[in-house]
C-alpha atoms as a PDB file:
ATOM      1  CA  ILE A   1       3.358   4.771  10.149  1.00  0.00           C
ATOM      2  CA  ALA A   2       4.094   2.774  13.310  1.00  0.00           C
ATOM      3  CA  GLU A   3       2.758   5.624  15.466  1.00  0.00           C
ATOM      4  CA  VAL A   4      -0.472   5.676  13.453  1.00  0.00           C
ATOM      5  CA  GLU A   5      -0.915   1.915  13.857  1.00  0.00           C
ATOM      6  CA  ARG A   6      -0.569   2.180  17.662  1.00  0.00           C
ATOM      7  CA  VAL A   7      -3.111   5.020  17.933  1.00  0.00           C
ATOM      8  CA  LEU A   8      -5.779   3.465  15.663  1.00  0.00           C
ATOM      9  CA  GLY A   9      -6.748   0.986  18.379  1.00  0.00           C
ATOM     10  CA  VAL A  10      -8.011   3.730  20.730  1.00  0.00           C
ATOM     11  CA  LEU A  11      -9.671   6.127  18.275  1.00  0.00           C
ATOM     12  CA  ASP A  12     -13.408   6.611  17.835  1.00  0.00           C
ATOM     13  CA  GLY A  13     -12.902   8.062  14.366  1.00  0.00           C
ATOM     14  CA  ALA A  14     -10.226   9.342  12.008  1.00  0.00           C
ATOM     15  CA  VAL A  15      -9.869  11.622   9.002  1.00  0.00           C
ATOM     16  CA  LEU A  16      -8.544   9.924   5.879  1.00  0.00           C
ATOM     17  CA  VAL A  17      -6.543  12.213   3.573  1.00  0.00           C
ATOM     18  CA  VAL A  18      -5.898  10.839   0.089  1.00  0.00           C
ATOM     19  CA  SER A  19      -3.554  12.396  -2.425  1.00  0.00           C
ATOM     20  CA  ALA A  20      -3.911  11.286  -6.042  1.00  0.00           C
ATOM     21  CA  VAL A  21      -0.286  12.252  -6.579  1.00  0.00           C
ATOM     22  CA  GLU A  22       1.271  10.516  -3.537  1.00  0.00           C
ATOM     23  CA  GLY A  23      -1.336   7.828  -2.838  1.00  0.00           C
ATOM     24  CA  VAL A  24      -2.551   6.551   0.527  1.00  0.00           C
ATOM     25  CA  HIS A  25       0.119   6.271   3.236  1.00  0.00           C
ATOM     26  CA  ALA A  26      -1.846   5.513   6.420  1.00  0.00           C
ATOM     27  CA  PRO A  27      -2.524   1.874   7.319  1.00  0.00           C
ATOM     28  CA  ASP A  28      -6.030   0.522   6.840  1.00  0.00           C
ATOM     29  CA  ALA A  29      -5.818  -2.388   9.317  1.00  0.00           C
ATOM     30  CA  ALA A  30      -8.071  -1.019  12.089  1.00  0.00           C
ATOM     31  CA  SER A  31     -11.853  -0.784  11.937  1.00  0.00           C
ATOM     32  CA  VAL A  32     -11.995   2.961  12.614  1.00  0.00           C
ATOM     33  CA  PRO A  33     -14.806   4.935  10.927  1.00  0.00           C
ATOM     34  CA  ARG A  34     -13.418   7.450   8.415  1.00  0.00           C
ATOM     35  CA  PRO A  35     -15.384  10.117   6.555  1.00  0.00           C
ATOM     36  CA  ALA A  36     -14.256  10.649   2.965  1.00  0.00           C
ATOM     37  CA  THR A  37     -14.112  13.864   0.948  1.00  0.00           C
ATOM     38  CA  ALA A  38     -12.383  15.162  -2.171  1.00  0.00           C
ATOM     39  CA  PRO A  39     -10.867  18.506  -1.154  1.00  0.00           C
ATOM     40  CA  ARG A  40      -9.519  19.405  -4.614  1.00  0.00           C
ATOM     41  CA  PRO A  41     -11.185  17.315  -7.318  1.00  0.00           C
ATOM     42  CA  ASP A  42     -10.166  19.895  -9.938  1.00  0.00           C
ATOM     43  CA  ALA A  43      -6.421  19.737  -9.149  1.00  0.00           C
ATOM     44  CA  ASP A  44      -4.068  19.448 -12.107  1.00  0.00           C
ATOM     45  CA  LEU A  45      -2.466  15.983 -11.805  1.00  0.00           C
ATOM     46  CA  ARG A  46       0.082  16.219 -14.607  1.00  0.00           C
END
């Protein structure tokens, strides 16, 4: 996560990947625009 925090300061944009099973792992401290999508909304989360 430390590497991600260092890079966020120089990015113009980023892709946010969210897993309902594992949760969000990337920091959300920087003001970097991130598009959001649900790649597998029908995934079995049992």
